[in-house]
Each structure stands twice: as structure tokens, then as C-alpha cells.
Amino acid sequence: METELSKAARTRQFIVEKTAGIFNKKGYAGTSLSDLTEATGLTKGSIYGNFKNKEEVAVAAFEYNTAKVRRQTRHLIDQASTYHDKLMVYAQVYHRFNAASFPEGGCPILNTAVDADDTNPVLKEKAAQVVINWKKRIEELIDGGITAGEFKTGIDVAQTALSIIALIEGGIMIAKVTNTPASLDKVLKTVDAIITRLKTNL
């Protein structure tokens, strides 16, 4: 039984890995069953023998994509020595949204939020939770910088965290829709300026 479960888990993981980029590029509505069977080489019965429906595959694919980004950010944050540099990791990671190390199709948060806003409550909630958790992690880093004496006291931590997220995601959206990476560079300079102004030595 344990071997069967292990095989089922491996099959599910295979399906998710093969379809994650498709969902991230085409969205839930734009991804067809034939897309899934073609990407995996499996039959409809094999796919739905491991997942209840397409939505369940899409949710698993979104979680896979966001986990990939999260692992990158955690690794770089752990390596950074100052709270300024730890916060700037988010800008650095999302700046590479078209790189091979990033999920195929770009930022999964932006893609899923736009795609599922009025069409899929489950995926919308998943995207919302990722943003909420992201905001919380930024707030924790700002609070850590204040406690360490690196950042000023009296900062509106929640507003700053939301502004950083909005600028990064908005910058990615503008760069992507206008095909102008330089636009994102300019937006990220504003993110750097916001984080730098938190410092006590200014």
C-alpha cells in the first residue's frame, strides 16, 4: 500500500510539474484538458484519477509555482546581512520574472490574481493568501530592522509593506504588458528608495 501511495504521489507531482507553466501562462480558463494530456503524455483518465478536476490541478500548479519563488527568496534573505538587503531580495527576485529560474510564464501571483479575479474564487483566495503572507514577511523584516536599530521608529509598517508589494507587482505588470523591462527597473529604484529611507542613519 505504501508503494502505491508513493507512486500516486509521484504521478501527482509529475502532472503538476508538467502543467505548472501552462496554467501560469494561459490561466485556468485558457488551459484545456488537451493541454494537460499533451504536456504530460497521460490520458484524461490518468489525470483525473489523481485529481478531482481541472481546478484541483490548477491550485496545485499555483502552489508549486509560488513555492518555487518562495524558496529563492528565503535562500537569498538568509544570505543577506542587513535588513535593507533582506527587503531588497524581493525586488531582486521578482526583477528576474522572465529568467529561467523563475516559474515559466512569469509571476504566478500577478497572473493568477488577474486571471481568477472574477472567474475562480478558489484560485483568487489562494492568490490573496500568498499576498497576505508576503505582506506579513515584509512587516516582520521591517520590525526586525527597527528592533536591531537599523531602521527608524515610528514607521507605518503595514503601509510600507503594501507599497513595496504594489510597486513590485505593478512594475512587473507594466513591464510585461508594454514589453519594456526598463519600466520595471525604474519602479524598483523607487522600491530601493523607500527601503533606504527606513534607515536610521539618514
C-alpha atoms as a PDB file:
ATOM      1  CA  MET A   1       0.000   0.000   0.000  1.00  0.00           C
ATOM      2  CA  GLU A   2       2.832   2.350   0.861  1.00  0.00           C
ATOM      3  CA  THR A   3       4.390   1.729  -2.568  1.00  0.00           C
ATOM      4  CA  GLU A   4       1.074   2.509  -4.270  1.00  0.00           C
ATOM      5  CA  LEU A   5       0.728   5.744  -2.346  1.00  0.00           C
ATOM      6  CA  SER A   6       4.284   6.686  -3.200  1.00  0.00           C
ATOM      7  CA  LYS A   7       3.640   6.012  -6.875  1.00  0.00           C
ATOM      8  CA  ALA A   8       0.420   8.066  -6.759  1.00  0.00           C
ATOM      9  CA  ALA A   9       2.300  10.948  -5.114  1.00  0.00           C
ATOM     10  CA  ARG A  10       4.976  10.794  -7.783  1.00  0.00           C
ATOM     11  CA  THR A  11       2.358  10.830 -10.526  1.00  0.00           C
ATOM     12  CA  ARG A  12       0.618  13.844  -8.993  1.00  0.00           C
ATOM     13  CA  GLN A  13       3.953  15.665  -8.739  1.00  0.00           C
ATOM     14  CA  PHE A  14       4.746  14.811 -12.362  1.00  0.00           C
ATOM     15  CA  ILE A  15       1.406  16.210 -13.519  1.00  0.00           C
ATOM     16  CA  VAL A  16       1.898  19.400 -11.519  1.00  0.00           C
ATOM     17  CA  GLU A  17       5.430  19.967 -12.773  1.00  0.00           C
ATOM     18  CA  LYS A  18       4.444  19.430 -16.394  1.00  0.00           C
ATOM     19  CA  THR A  19       1.374  21.682 -16.257  1.00  0.00           C
ATOM     20  CA  ALA A  20       2.514  24.463 -13.882  1.00  0.00           C
ATOM     21  CA  GLY A  21       3.944  26.586 -16.684  1.00  0.00           C
ATOM     22  CA  ILE A  22       0.863  26.119 -18.849  1.00  0.00           C
ATOM     23  CA  PHE A  23      -1.531  27.307 -16.144  1.00  0.00           C
ATOM     24  CA  ASN A  24       0.798  30.207 -15.339  1.00  0.00           C
ATOM     25  CA  LYS A  25       0.849  31.350 -18.972  1.00  0.00           C
ATOM     26  CA  LYS A  26      -2.660  30.532 -20.151  1.00  0.00           C
ATOM     27  CA  GLY A  27      -4.610  30.839 -16.920  1.00  0.00           C
ATOM     28  CA  TYR A  28      -7.270  28.483 -15.610  1.00  0.00           C
ATOM     29  CA  ALA A  29      -9.908  29.201 -18.264  1.00  0.00           C
ATOM     30  CA  GLY A  30      -7.385  29.236 -21.096  1.00  0.00           C
ATOM     31  CA  THR A  31      -5.887  25.854 -20.202  1.00  0.00           C
ATOM     32  CA  SER A  32      -7.707  22.956 -21.810  1.00  0.00           C
ATOM     33  CA  LEU A  33      -7.763  19.280 -20.988  1.00  0.00           C
ATOM     34  CA  SER A  34      -5.874  18.622 -24.217  1.00  0.00           C
ATOM     35  CA  ASP A  35      -3.145  20.976 -22.956  1.00  0.00           C
ATOM     36  CA  LEU A  36      -2.812  18.794 -19.874  1.00  0.00           C
ATOM     37  CA  THR A  37      -2.782  15.486 -21.716  1.00  0.00           C
ATOM     38  CA  GLU A  38      -0.320  16.793 -24.290  1.00  0.00           C
ATOM     39  CA  ALA A  39       2.059  18.184 -21.649  1.00  0.00           C
ATOM     40  CA  THR A  40       2.026  15.059 -19.512  1.00  0.00           C
ATOM     41  CA  GLY A  41       1.576  12.375 -22.128  1.00  0.00           C
ATOM     42  CA  LEU A  42      -1.150  10.946 -19.898  1.00  0.00           C
ATOM     43  CA  THR A  43      -4.784  10.213 -20.666  1.00  0.00           C
ATOM     44  CA  LYS A  44      -7.712  12.168 -19.257  1.00  0.00           C
ATOM     45  CA  GLY A  45      -8.462   9.184 -17.014  1.00  0.00           C
ATOM     46  CA  SER A  46      -4.920   9.180 -15.624  1.00  0.00           C
ATOM     47  CA  ILE A  47      -5.038  12.880 -14.824  1.00  0.00           C
ATOM     48  CA  TYR A  48      -8.478  12.794 -13.231  1.00  0.00           C
ATOM     49  CA  GLY A  49      -7.563   9.585 -11.454  1.00  0.00           C
ATOM     50  CA  ASN A  50      -5.077  11.704  -9.482  1.00  0.00           C
ATOM     51  CA  PHE A  51      -7.015  14.975  -9.307  1.00  0.00           C
ATOM     52  CA  LYS A  52     -10.748  15.528  -8.889  1.00  0.00           C
ATOM     53  CA  ASN A  53     -10.935  18.126 -11.646  1.00  0.00           C
ATOM     54  CA  LYS A  54      -9.002  20.760 -13.575  1.00  0.00           C
ATOM     55  CA  GLU A  55      -9.382  23.269 -10.747  1.00  0.00           C
ATOM     56  CA  GLU A  56      -7.559  20.979  -8.348  1.00  0.00           C
ATOM     57  CA  VAL A  57      -4.678  20.661 -10.829  1.00  0.00           C
ATOM     58  CA  ALA A  58      -4.618  24.457 -11.245  1.00  0.00           C
ATOM     59  CA  VAL A  59      -4.471  25.009  -7.487  1.00  0.00           C
ATOM     60  CA  ALA A  60      -1.623  22.510  -7.130  1.00  0.00           C
ATOM     61  CA  ALA A  61       0.195  24.179 -10.040  1.00  0.00           C
ATOM     62  CA  PHE A  62      -0.194  27.621  -8.425  1.00  0.00           C
ATOM     63  CA  GLU A  63       1.150  26.306  -5.124  1.00  0.00           C
ATOM     64  CA  TYR A  64       4.074  24.701  -6.956  1.00  0.00           C
ATOM     65  CA  ASN A  65       4.920  27.958  -8.750  1.00  0.00           C
ATOM     66  CA  THR A  66       4.689  30.158  -5.675  1.00  0.00           C
ATOM     67  CA  ALA A  67       6.736  27.682  -3.627  1.00  0.00           C
ATOM     68  CA  LYS A  68       9.480  27.948  -6.247  1.00  0.00           C
ATOM     69  CA  VAL A  69       9.610  31.727  -5.807  1.00  0.00           C
ATOM     70  CA  ARG A  70       9.426  31.413  -2.030  1.00  0.00           C
ATOM     71  CA  ARG A  71      12.423  29.067  -1.922  1.00  0.00           C
ATOM     72  CA  GLN A  72      14.505  31.533  -3.934  1.00  0.00           C
ATOM     73  CA  THR A  73      13.621  34.469  -1.711  1.00  0.00           C
ATOM     74  CA  ARG A  74      14.222  32.582   1.533  1.00  0.00           C
ATOM     75  CA  HIS A  75      17.650  31.446   0.358  1.00  0.00           C
ATOM     76  CA  LEU A  76      18.731  34.969  -0.580  1.00  0.00           C
ATOM     77  CA  ILE A  77      17.208  36.549   2.534  1.00  0.00           C
ATOM     78  CA  ASP A  78      19.148  34.114   4.708  1.00  0.00           C
ATOM     79  CA  GLN A  79      22.349  35.154   2.932  1.00  0.00           C
ATOM     80  CA  ALA A  80      21.743  38.912   3.244  1.00  0.00           C
ATOM     81  CA  SER A  81      23.429  40.583   6.210  1.00  0.00           C
ATOM     82  CA  THR A  82      21.335  43.755   6.641  1.00  0.00           C
ATOM     83  CA  TYR A  83      17.590  44.261   6.825  1.00  0.00           C
ATOM     84  CA  HIS A  84      17.797  46.670   3.889  1.00  0.00           C
ATOM     85  CA  ASP A  85      19.390  43.951   1.786  1.00  0.00           C
ATOM     86  CA  LYS A  86      16.915  41.343   3.042  1.00  0.00           C
ATOM     87  CA  LEU A  87      13.988  43.520   1.935  1.00  0.00           C
ATOM     88  CA  MET A  88      15.615  44.229  -1.425  1.00  0.00           C
ATOM     89  CA  VAL A  89      15.717  40.478  -2.095  1.00  0.00           C
ATOM     90  CA  TYR A  90      12.039  40.630  -3.070  1.00  0.00           C
ATOM     91  CA  ALA A  91      12.754  43.259  -5.709  1.00  0.00           C
ATOM     92  CA  GLN A  92      15.757  41.303  -6.985  1.00  0.00           C
ATOM     93  CA  VAL A  93      13.865  38.018  -7.237  1.00  0.00           C
ATOM     94  CA  TYR A  94      10.806  39.465  -8.948  1.00  0.00           C
ATOM     95  CA  HIS A  95      13.009  41.515 -11.250  1.00  0.00           C
ATOM     96  CA  ARG A  96      14.018  38.203 -12.787  1.00  0.00           C
ATOM     97  CA  PHE A  97      10.415  37.183 -13.524  1.00  0.00           C
ATOM     98  CA  ASN A  98      11.392  36.277 -17.093  1.00  0.00           C
ATOM     99  CA  ALA A  99      14.500  34.294 -16.099  1.00  0.00           C
ATOM    100  CA  ALA A 100      14.756  30.522 -16.385  1.00  0.00           C
ATOM    101  CA  SER A 101      14.953  30.195 -12.596  1.00  0.00           C
ATOM    102  CA  PHE A 102      11.516  31.819 -12.247  1.00  0.00           C
ATOM    103  CA  PRO A 103       8.277  29.901 -12.905  1.00  0.00           C
ATOM    104  CA  GLU A 104       7.523  29.588 -16.598  1.00  0.00           C
ATOM    105  CA  GLY A 105       5.120  32.342 -17.593  1.00  0.00           C
ATOM    106  CA  GLY A 106       6.295  34.942 -15.086  1.00  0.00           C
ATOM    107  CA  CYS A 107       4.908  35.989 -11.710  1.00  0.00           C
ATOM    108  CA  PRO A 108       2.296  33.445 -10.576  1.00  0.00           C
ATOM    109  CA  ILE A 109       0.733  35.882  -8.110  1.00  0.00           C
ATOM    110  CA  LEU A 110       0.066  38.542 -10.742  1.00  0.00           C
ATOM    111  CA  ASN A 111      -1.005  36.040 -13.392  1.00  0.00           C
ATOM    112  CA  THR A 112      -3.391  34.166 -11.119  1.00  0.00           C
ATOM    113  CA  ALA A 113      -4.821  37.274  -9.445  1.00  0.00           C
ATOM    114  CA  VAL A 114      -5.700  38.835 -12.801  1.00  0.00           C
ATOM    115  CA  ASP A 115      -6.960  35.588 -14.315  1.00  0.00           C
ATOM    116  CA  ALA A 116      -9.063  34.449 -11.356  1.00  0.00           C
ATOM    117  CA  ASP A 117     -10.324  37.781 -10.012  1.00  0.00           C
ATOM    118  CA  ASP A 118     -13.892  37.438 -11.279  1.00  0.00           C
ATOM    119  CA  THR A 119     -13.866  33.866 -12.526  1.00  0.00           C
ATOM    120  CA  ASN A 120     -12.472  31.483  -9.918  1.00  0.00           C
ATOM    121  CA  PRO A 121     -12.992  32.165  -6.184  1.00  0.00           C
ATOM    122  CA  VAL A 122     -10.760  29.273  -5.109  1.00  0.00           C
ATOM    123  CA  LEU A 123      -7.730  30.448  -7.070  1.00  0.00           C
ATOM    124  CA  LYS A 124      -8.454  34.066  -6.136  1.00  0.00           C
ATOM    125  CA  GLU A 125      -8.376  33.114  -2.451  1.00  0.00           C
ATOM    126  CA  LYS A 126      -5.109  31.215  -2.951  1.00  0.00           C
ATOM    127  CA  ALA A 127      -3.519  34.261  -4.590  1.00  0.00           C
ATOM    128  CA  ALA A 128      -4.877  36.547  -1.857  1.00  0.00           C
ATOM    129  CA  GLN A 129      -3.389  34.360   0.860  1.00  0.00           C
ATOM    130  CA  VAL A 130       0.024  34.455  -0.805  1.00  0.00           C
ATOM    131  CA  VAL A 131      -0.110  38.269  -0.876  1.00  0.00           C
ATOM    132  CA  ILE A 132      -1.193  38.382   2.781  1.00  0.00           C
ATOM    133  CA  ASN A 133       1.687  36.097   3.766  1.00  0.00           C
ATOM    134  CA  TRP A 134       4.119  38.146   1.675  1.00  0.00           C
ATOM    135  CA  LYS A 135       2.977  41.335   3.432  1.00  0.00           C
ATOM    136  CA  LYS A 136       3.458  39.641   6.792  1.00  0.00           C
ATOM    137  CA  ARG A 137       7.018  38.575   5.938  1.00  0.00           C
ATOM    138  CA  ILE A 138       7.927  42.116   4.839  1.00  0.00           C
ATOM    139  CA  GLU A 139       6.426  43.523   8.044  1.00  0.00           C
ATOM    140  CA  GLU A 140       8.500  41.058  10.079  1.00  0.00           C
ATOM    141  CA  LEU A 141      11.680  42.183   8.318  1.00  0.00           C
ATOM    142  CA  ILE A 142      10.873  45.861   8.898  1.00  0.00           C
ATOM    143  CA  ASP A 143      10.100  45.172  12.552  1.00  0.00           C
ATOM    144  CA  GLY A 144      13.359  43.245  12.787  1.00  0.00           C
ATOM    145  CA  GLY A 145      15.240  46.211  11.360  1.00  0.00           C
ATOM    146  CA  ILE A 146      13.598  48.544  13.877  1.00  0.00           C
ATOM    147  CA  THR A 147      14.459  46.227  16.772  1.00  0.00           C
ATOM    148  CA  ALA A 148      18.044  45.948  15.546  1.00  0.00           C
ATOM    149  CA  GLY A 149      18.342  49.733  15.350  1.00  0.00           C
ATOM    150  CA  GLU A 150      18.888  49.662  11.591  1.00  0.00           C
ATOM    151  CA  PHE A 151      15.506  51.261  10.797  1.00  0.00           C
ATOM    152  CA  LYS A 152      13.794  54.284  12.309  1.00  0.00           C
ATOM    153  CA  THR A 153      10.985  54.010  14.821  1.00  0.00           C
ATOM    154  CA  GLY A 154       7.526  55.360  14.010  1.00  0.00           C
ATOM    155  CA  ILE A 155       7.358  53.692  10.606  1.00  0.00           C
ATOM    156  CA  ASP A 156       3.921  52.748   9.281  1.00  0.00           C
ATOM    157  CA  VAL A 157       4.975  49.142   8.788  1.00  0.00           C
ATOM    158  CA  ALA A 158       1.781  47.899   7.132  1.00  0.00           C
ATOM    159  CA  GLN A 159       1.649  50.799   4.660  1.00  0.00           C
ATOM    160  CA  THR A 160       5.308  50.337   3.748  1.00  0.00           C
ATOM    161  CA  ALA A 161       4.861  46.595   3.184  1.00  0.00           C
ATOM    162  CA  LEU A 162       1.818  47.140   0.954  1.00  0.00           C
ATOM    163  CA  SER A 163       3.623  49.841  -1.020  1.00  0.00           C
ATOM    164  CA  ILE A 164       6.592  47.566  -1.698  1.00  0.00           C
ATOM    165  CA  ILE A 165       4.324  44.751  -2.915  1.00  0.00           C
ATOM    166  CA  ALA A 166       2.210  47.103  -5.040  1.00  0.00           C
ATOM    167  CA  LEU A 167       5.262  48.634  -6.694  1.00  0.00           C
ATOM    168  CA  ILE A 168       6.864  45.281  -7.471  1.00  0.00           C
ATOM    169  CA  GLU A 169       3.699  43.687  -8.856  1.00  0.00           C
ATOM    170  CA  GLY A 170       2.669  46.864 -10.669  1.00  0.00           C
ATOM    171  CA  GLY A 171       6.132  47.213 -12.160  1.00  0.00           C
ATOM    172  CA  ILE A 172       6.044  43.636 -13.424  1.00  0.00           C
ATOM    173  CA  MET A 173       2.607  44.206 -14.945  1.00  0.00           C
ATOM    174  CA  ILE A 174       3.717  47.380 -16.757  1.00  0.00           C
ATOM    175  CA  ALA A 175       6.945  45.781 -17.989  1.00  0.00           C
ATOM    176  CA  LYS A 176       5.105  42.710 -19.214  1.00  0.00           C
ATOM    177  CA  VAL A 177       2.147  44.364 -20.917  1.00  0.00           C
ATOM    178  CA  THR A 178       4.296  47.043 -22.621  1.00  0.00           C
ATOM    179  CA  ASN A 179       7.286  44.753 -23.209  1.00  0.00           C
ATOM    180  CA  THR A 180       9.576  47.345 -21.621  1.00  0.00           C
ATOM    181  CA  PRO A 181      11.838  45.817 -18.928  1.00  0.00           C
ATOM    182  CA  ALA A 182      13.271  49.297 -18.307  1.00  0.00           C
ATOM    183  CA  SER A 183       9.947  50.292 -16.740  1.00  0.00           C
ATOM    184  CA  LEU A 184      10.429  47.691 -14.034  1.00  0.00           C
ATOM    185  CA  ASP A 185      13.981  48.957 -13.437  1.00  0.00           C
ATOM    186  CA  LYS A 186      12.587  52.435 -12.758  1.00  0.00           C
ATOM    187  CA  VAL A 187       9.899  51.136 -10.409  1.00  0.00           C
ATOM    188  CA  LEU A 188      12.421  49.067  -8.473  1.00  0.00           C
ATOM    189  CA  LYS A 189      14.540  52.169  -7.939  1.00  0.00           C
ATOM    190  CA  THR A 190      11.538  53.589  -6.096  1.00  0.00           C
ATOM    191  CA  VAL A 191      11.340  50.396  -4.004  1.00  0.00           C
ATOM    192  CA  ASP A 192      15.033  50.800  -3.151  1.00  0.00           C
ATOM    193  CA  ALA A 193      14.435  54.440  -2.200  1.00  0.00           C
ATOM    194  CA  ILE A 194      11.539  53.515   0.107  1.00  0.00           C
ATOM    195  CA  ILE A 195      13.607  50.851   1.873  1.00  0.00           C
ATOM    196  CA  THR A 196      16.667  53.108   2.104  1.00  0.00           C
ATOM    197  CA  ARG A 197      14.568  55.874   3.738  1.00  0.00           C
ATOM    198  CA  LEU A 198      13.788  53.451   6.556  1.00  0.00           C
ATOM    199  CA  LYS A 199      17.395  53.603   7.734  1.00  0.00           C
ATOM    200  CA  THR A 200      18.275  55.423  10.942  1.00  0.00           C
ATOM    201  CA  ASN A 201      21.439  56.985   9.525  1.00  0.00           C
ATOM    202  CA  LEU A 202      19.597  59.205   7.036  1.00  0.00           C
END
